[in-house]
Amino acid sequence: MSSAPAGWYPQADGSQRYWDGERWTQHVAPPATPNQGQPQNFDSPRPTGGPEKPWYQKMWFVLPVVFVGLLAIVFVVVNVVGRDAETTTTNSAPSDPTASTHSQQQTEEPQEPESPTIGTPVRDGALEFVVTDSRCGIKSIGNKTLSVEAQGEFCQVSLTAKNIGDESQTLFASEQDASDAEGRKYSYSIEASVYDPDSDAMIMEELSPGETFTGKVYYDVPLGTQLAKIELHESVLSDGVEVVLAPSRP
């Protein structure tokens, strides 16, 4: 035994004694029991709380959230695709010329009616007017004995005025204003009306129902002025009506 390595060695009585490599020691192990010498089981202990649940049962609260998210994504995709298809259809559809014309008619602003001209009957209140002539460039009014010179030149507007109402009307020359193309207004000339050789110049005329005045209204205007319009009134409070003039020169 001198060459035997250190270790436990069996004895005759079934016990084991420790050999330290040189001699026997006093360490003795009792005989082994039937269970001794059996290899121990070092497997991991099993859980005592019952069988482990599947993953989908552990994550039950996550599944509804995921499902709602998928529905939202599908909804967005369907809407985007639908709008793209609608836009493509609209752009590819041929234009309707009738609809375009109708749209232009709706957007066009209504044109104002043209103002009446010489020879056109117009009405303001109970009076119906007809302008029959207009001319400018008159230097003086009167005869060889009595006459008046224009500060610039006289313009003469010939017209008729008829009372179409049921009551008498007073017609005033002072309410009949003329204007040039630049909008400058001119009042009637009482001097020219007084010296009118035909004595039919309008100053103040009383008209019975159905009666008609025929005469002239004079205006003293700067040299070279062309009257463009005359605004005729029944009275100072009436709205008035405009007539476009086409003046001529003698």
Protein backbone atom coordinates (compact mmCIF):
# COMPACT_ATOMS: atom_id res chain seq x y z
CA MET A 1 0.00 0.00 0.00
CA SER A 2 3.00 2.27 0.09
CA SER A 3 2.40 3.18 -3.58
CA ALA A 4 -1.37 3.62 -3.30
CA PRO A 5 -2.64 7.19 -3.66
CA ALA A 6 -4.42 8.92 -0.84
CA GLY A 7 -8.12 8.15 -0.56
CA TRP A 8 -10.83 6.10 1.12
CA TYR A 9 -10.41 2.35 0.96
CA PRO A 10 -12.89 -0.39 2.00
CA GLN A 11 -12.19 -2.47 5.03
CA ALA A 12 -13.13 -6.05 5.92
CA ASP A 13 -16.09 -4.97 8.06
CA GLY A 14 -17.55 -2.94 5.22
CA SER A 15 -16.36 0.40 6.55
CA GLN A 16 -13.94 2.68 4.77
CA ARG A 17 -10.66 4.07 6.12
CA TYR A 18 -8.69 6.96 4.79
CA TRP A 19 -5.13 6.34 3.45
CA ASP A 20 -3.09 9.56 3.28
CA GLY A 21 -0.58 8.10 0.81
CA GLU A 22 1.91 6.94 3.49
CA ARG A 23 -0.06 5.41 6.32
CA TRP A 24 -3.59 4.66 7.55
CA THR A 25 -5.25 7.47 9.42
CA GLN A 26 -7.78 7.29 12.23
CA HIS A 27 -10.56 8.52 9.93
CA VAL A 28 -13.06 5.74 9.42
CA ALA A 29 -16.35 5.98 7.55
CA PRO A 30 -19.24 3.69 8.53
CA PRO A 31 -20.55 1.18 6.03
CA ALA A 32 -22.68 2.73 3.29
CA THR A 33 -26.51 2.41 3.53
CA PRO A 34 -28.51 1.04 0.57
CA ASN A 35 -29.46 4.61 -0.54
CA GLN A 36 -25.87 5.80 -0.29
CA GLY A 37 -23.86 5.65 -3.43
CA GLN A 38 -26.93 6.42 -5.61
CA PRO A 39 -26.37 9.37 -7.89
CA GLN A 40 -28.28 12.46 -6.92
CA ASN A 41 -30.78 14.04 -9.34
CA PHE A 42 -29.67 17.59 -10.05
CA ASP A 43 -32.55 18.44 -12.48
CA SER A 44 -34.14 21.86 -12.06
CA PRO A 45 -37.10 21.81 -9.69
CA ARG A 46 -40.49 22.00 -11.32
CA PRO A 47 -42.80 24.87 -10.46
CA THR A 48 -45.46 24.07 -7.92
CA GLY A 49 -48.06 26.58 -9.20
CA GLY A 50 -49.55 24.39 -11.89
CA PRO A 51 -48.82 24.11 -15.66
CA GLU A 52 -47.44 27.23 -17.47
CA LYS A 53 -50.02 29.19 -19.52
CA PRO A 54 -49.64 29.71 -23.30
CA TRP A 55 -48.31 33.16 -24.49
CA TYR A 56 -51.64 34.30 -25.98
CA GLN A 57 -53.31 33.81 -22.57
CA LYS A 58 -50.62 35.86 -20.84
CA MET A 59 -50.98 38.74 -23.40
CA TRP A 60 -54.81 38.85 -23.61
CA PHE A 61 -54.98 42.58 -22.79
CA VAL A 62 -52.62 43.46 -25.70
CA LEU A 63 -54.64 41.73 -28.43
CA PRO A 64 -57.62 44.21 -28.49
CA VAL A 65 -55.21 47.16 -28.81
CA VAL A 66 -53.41 45.50 -31.72
CA PHE A 67 -56.76 44.67 -33.39
CA VAL A 68 -58.00 48.29 -33.13
CA GLY A 69 -54.69 49.57 -34.54
CA LEU A 70 -54.99 47.26 -37.55
CA LEU A 71 -58.55 48.46 -38.21
CA ALA A 72 -57.39 52.11 -38.12
CA ILE A 73 -54.62 51.40 -40.63
CA VAL A 74 -57.07 49.64 -43.00
CA PHE A 75 -59.52 52.59 -42.74
CA VAL A 76 -56.83 55.14 -43.62
CA VAL A 77 -55.59 53.11 -46.58
CA VAL A 78 -59.12 52.66 -47.98
CA ASN A 79 -59.86 56.40 -47.72
CA VAL A 80 -56.60 57.44 -49.41
CA VAL A 81 -57.10 54.97 -52.26
CA GLY A 82 -60.72 56.11 -52.70
CA ARG A 83 -59.78 59.81 -52.90
CA ASP A 84 -57.03 59.08 -55.42
CA ALA A 85 -59.48 57.15 -57.58
CA GLU A 86 -62.06 59.96 -57.41
CA THR A 87 -59.45 62.57 -58.34
CA THR A 88 -58.29 60.48 -61.28
CA THR A 89 -61.88 60.08 -62.51
CA THR A 90 -62.57 63.81 -62.22
CA ASN A 91 -59.39 64.80 -64.05
CA SER A 92 -59.95 62.30 -66.83
CA ALA A 93 -63.61 63.16 -67.39
CA PRO A 94 -64.24 65.34 -70.50
CA SER A 95 -65.29 68.89 -69.80
CA ASP A 96 -68.88 69.90 -70.43
CA PRO A 97 -68.98 73.02 -72.65
CA THR A 98 -72.58 73.66 -71.59
CA ALA A 99 -71.57 73.74 -67.92
CA SER A 100 -68.69 76.10 -68.72
CA THR A 101 -71.00 78.46 -70.58
CA HIS A 102 -73.51 78.35 -67.74
CA SER A 103 -70.75 79.14 -65.24
CA GLN A 104 -69.60 82.10 -67.33
CA GLN A 105 -73.15 83.40 -67.49
CA GLN A 106 -73.40 83.23 -63.71
CA THR A 107 -70.09 85.03 -63.14
CA GLU A 108 -70.68 87.79 -65.68
CA GLU A 109 -71.93 90.95 -64.09
CA PRO A 110 -75.21 92.27 -65.43
CA GLN A 111 -74.70 95.16 -67.78
CA GLU A 112 -76.41 98.43 -67.05
CA PRO A 113 -79.06 99.43 -69.58
CA GLU A 114 -77.97 102.07 -72.05
CA SER A 115 -79.15 105.60 -71.37
CA PRO A 116 -81.90 106.90 -73.69
CA THR A 117 -80.87 109.21 -76.50
CA ILE A 118 -82.39 112.05 -78.53
CA GLY A 119 -85.89 111.17 -79.75
CA THR A 120 -86.55 108.60 -76.99
CA PRO A 121 -89.51 109.35 -74.65
CA VAL A 122 -88.48 109.29 -70.98
CA ARG A 123 -90.52 109.80 -67.84
CA ASP A 124 -89.86 111.41 -64.49
CA GLY A 125 -92.86 111.51 -62.20
CA ALA A 126 -95.91 112.83 -64.00
CA LEU A 127 -93.93 114.39 -66.87
CA GLU A 128 -92.89 112.69 -70.09
CA PHE A 129 -89.90 114.27 -71.85
CA VAL A 130 -88.60 113.92 -75.41
CA VAL A 131 -85.33 115.62 -76.37
CA THR A 132 -85.54 116.57 -80.07
CA ASP A 133 -82.25 118.42 -80.72
CA SER A 134 -79.03 119.68 -79.16
CA ARG A 135 -76.43 122.11 -80.54
CA CYS A 136 -73.60 124.29 -79.21
CA GLY A 137 -71.35 127.09 -80.54
CA ILE A 138 -73.99 129.85 -80.40
CA LYS A 139 -72.32 133.23 -79.77
CA SER A 140 -75.40 135.31 -78.96
CA ILE A 141 -79.16 135.08 -78.47
CA GLY A 142 -81.67 137.75 -79.55
CA ASN A 143 -82.24 140.06 -82.51
CA LYS A 144 -80.55 143.15 -83.94
CA THR A 145 -82.20 145.35 -81.31
CA LEU A 146 -81.99 143.20 -78.18
CA SER A 147 -79.49 140.38 -77.71
CA VAL A 148 -77.14 138.86 -75.17
CA GLU A 149 -73.61 137.64 -75.74
CA ALA A 150 -72.40 134.35 -74.22
CA GLN A 151 -69.54 134.46 -71.74
CA GLY A 152 -68.21 131.41 -73.56
CA GLU A 153 -70.80 130.02 -75.95
CA PHE A 154 -74.43 128.99 -75.71
CA CYS A 155 -75.71 125.41 -76.02
CA GLN A 156 -79.37 124.93 -76.89
CA VAL A 157 -81.37 121.79 -76.04
CA SER A 158 -84.80 121.50 -77.70
CA LEU A 159 -87.40 119.27 -76.05
CA THR A 160 -91.04 118.59 -75.25
CA ALA A 161 -92.55 117.94 -71.82
CA LYS A 162 -96.05 116.48 -71.40
CA ASN A 163 -98.07 116.26 -68.20
CA ILE A 164 -99.35 112.68 -68.15
CA GLY A 165 -100.61 112.90 -64.58
CA ASP A 166 -103.98 113.86 -63.09
CA GLU A 167 -102.86 117.13 -61.53
CA SER A 168 -101.22 120.32 -62.74
CA GLN A 169 -97.41 120.38 -62.78
CA THR A 170 -94.96 123.29 -62.76
CA LEU A 171 -91.91 122.81 -64.96
CA PHE A 172 -88.75 124.71 -63.98
CA ALA A 173 -85.76 125.26 -66.27
CA SER A 174 -83.55 125.56 -63.18
CA GLU A 175 -84.09 121.83 -62.47
CA GLN A 176 -82.80 120.69 -65.87
CA ASP A 177 -78.99 120.31 -65.58
CA ALA A 178 -76.65 119.49 -68.45
CA SER A 179 -73.14 117.98 -68.21
CA ASP A 180 -70.13 117.40 -70.45
CA ALA A 181 -68.16 114.20 -71.01
CA GLU A 182 -65.99 114.88 -67.93
CA GLY A 183 -69.02 115.16 -65.65
CA ARG A 184 -68.97 118.96 -65.21
CA LYS A 185 -72.52 120.25 -64.73
CA TYR A 186 -74.04 123.45 -66.14
CA SER A 187 -77.21 125.28 -65.08
CA TYR A 188 -79.59 126.93 -67.52
CA SER A 189 -78.94 130.54 -68.66
CA ILE A 190 -81.80 132.83 -67.71
CA GLU A 191 -80.30 135.67 -69.83
CA ALA A 192 -80.44 133.58 -72.99
CA SER A 193 -83.96 132.44 -72.09
CA VAL A 194 -85.17 136.07 -71.72
CA TYR A 195 -83.64 137.15 -75.05
CA ASP A 196 -84.83 134.11 -77.00
CA PRO A 197 -86.33 135.53 -80.22
CA ASP A 198 -88.95 132.80 -80.49
CA SER A 199 -90.13 133.34 -76.91
CA ASP A 200 -90.33 129.60 -76.31
CA ALA A 201 -87.39 129.21 -73.95
CA MET A 202 -88.23 127.34 -70.77
CA ILE A 203 -88.15 129.37 -67.56
CA MET A 204 -91.20 128.32 -65.51
CA GLU A 205 -94.09 126.60 -67.23
CA GLU A 206 -97.44 125.59 -65.74
CA LEU A 207 -98.80 122.42 -67.34
CA SER A 208 -102.34 121.15 -66.90
CA PRO A 209 -103.03 117.39 -67.18
CA GLY A 210 -102.47 116.35 -70.81
CA GLU A 211 -100.79 119.67 -71.76
CA THR A 212 -97.42 119.67 -73.58
CA PHE A 213 -94.62 122.25 -73.51
CA THR A 214 -92.44 122.60 -76.61
CA GLY A 215 -89.38 124.82 -76.38
CA LYS A 216 -85.68 125.17 -75.53
CA VAL A 217 -83.29 125.25 -72.58
CA TYR A 218 -80.11 127.38 -72.92
CA TYR A 219 -76.73 126.84 -71.22
CA ASP A 220 -73.73 129.21 -71.16
CA VAL A 221 -70.62 126.97 -71.31
CA PRO A 222 -66.86 127.49 -71.91
CA LEU A 223 -65.70 127.68 -75.54
CA GLY A 224 -65.36 124.29 -77.19
CA THR A 225 -67.56 122.48 -74.64
CA GLN A 226 -69.64 119.58 -75.89
CA LEU A 227 -72.71 118.66 -73.80
CA ALA A 228 -72.91 114.91 -73.27
CA LYS A 229 -76.05 114.50 -71.14
CA ILE A 230 -79.06 116.37 -69.81
CA GLU A 231 -80.78 115.36 -66.56
CA LEU A 232 -84.52 116.06 -66.70
CA HIS A 233 -86.65 116.50 -63.56
CA GLU A 234 -90.33 116.84 -62.81
CA SER A 235 -89.42 118.77 -59.63
CA VAL A 236 -86.53 119.46 -57.29
CA LEU A 237 -87.46 116.34 -55.26
CA SER A 238 -87.78 113.87 -58.16
CA ASP A 239 -85.12 111.30 -59.09
CA GLY A 240 -84.63 112.63 -62.61
CA VAL A 241 -83.80 110.81 -65.83
CA GLU A 242 -80.73 111.17 -68.05
CA VAL A 243 -80.72 111.53 -71.84
CA VAL A 244 -77.55 111.23 -73.92
CA LEU A 245 -76.98 114.22 -76.23
CA ALA A 246 -75.22 114.42 -79.59
CA PRO A 247 -74.51 118.13 -79.89
CA SER A 248 -73.83 119.77 -83.23
CA ARG A 249 -72.37 123.16 -84.13
CA PRO A 250 -73.83 125.71 -86.52
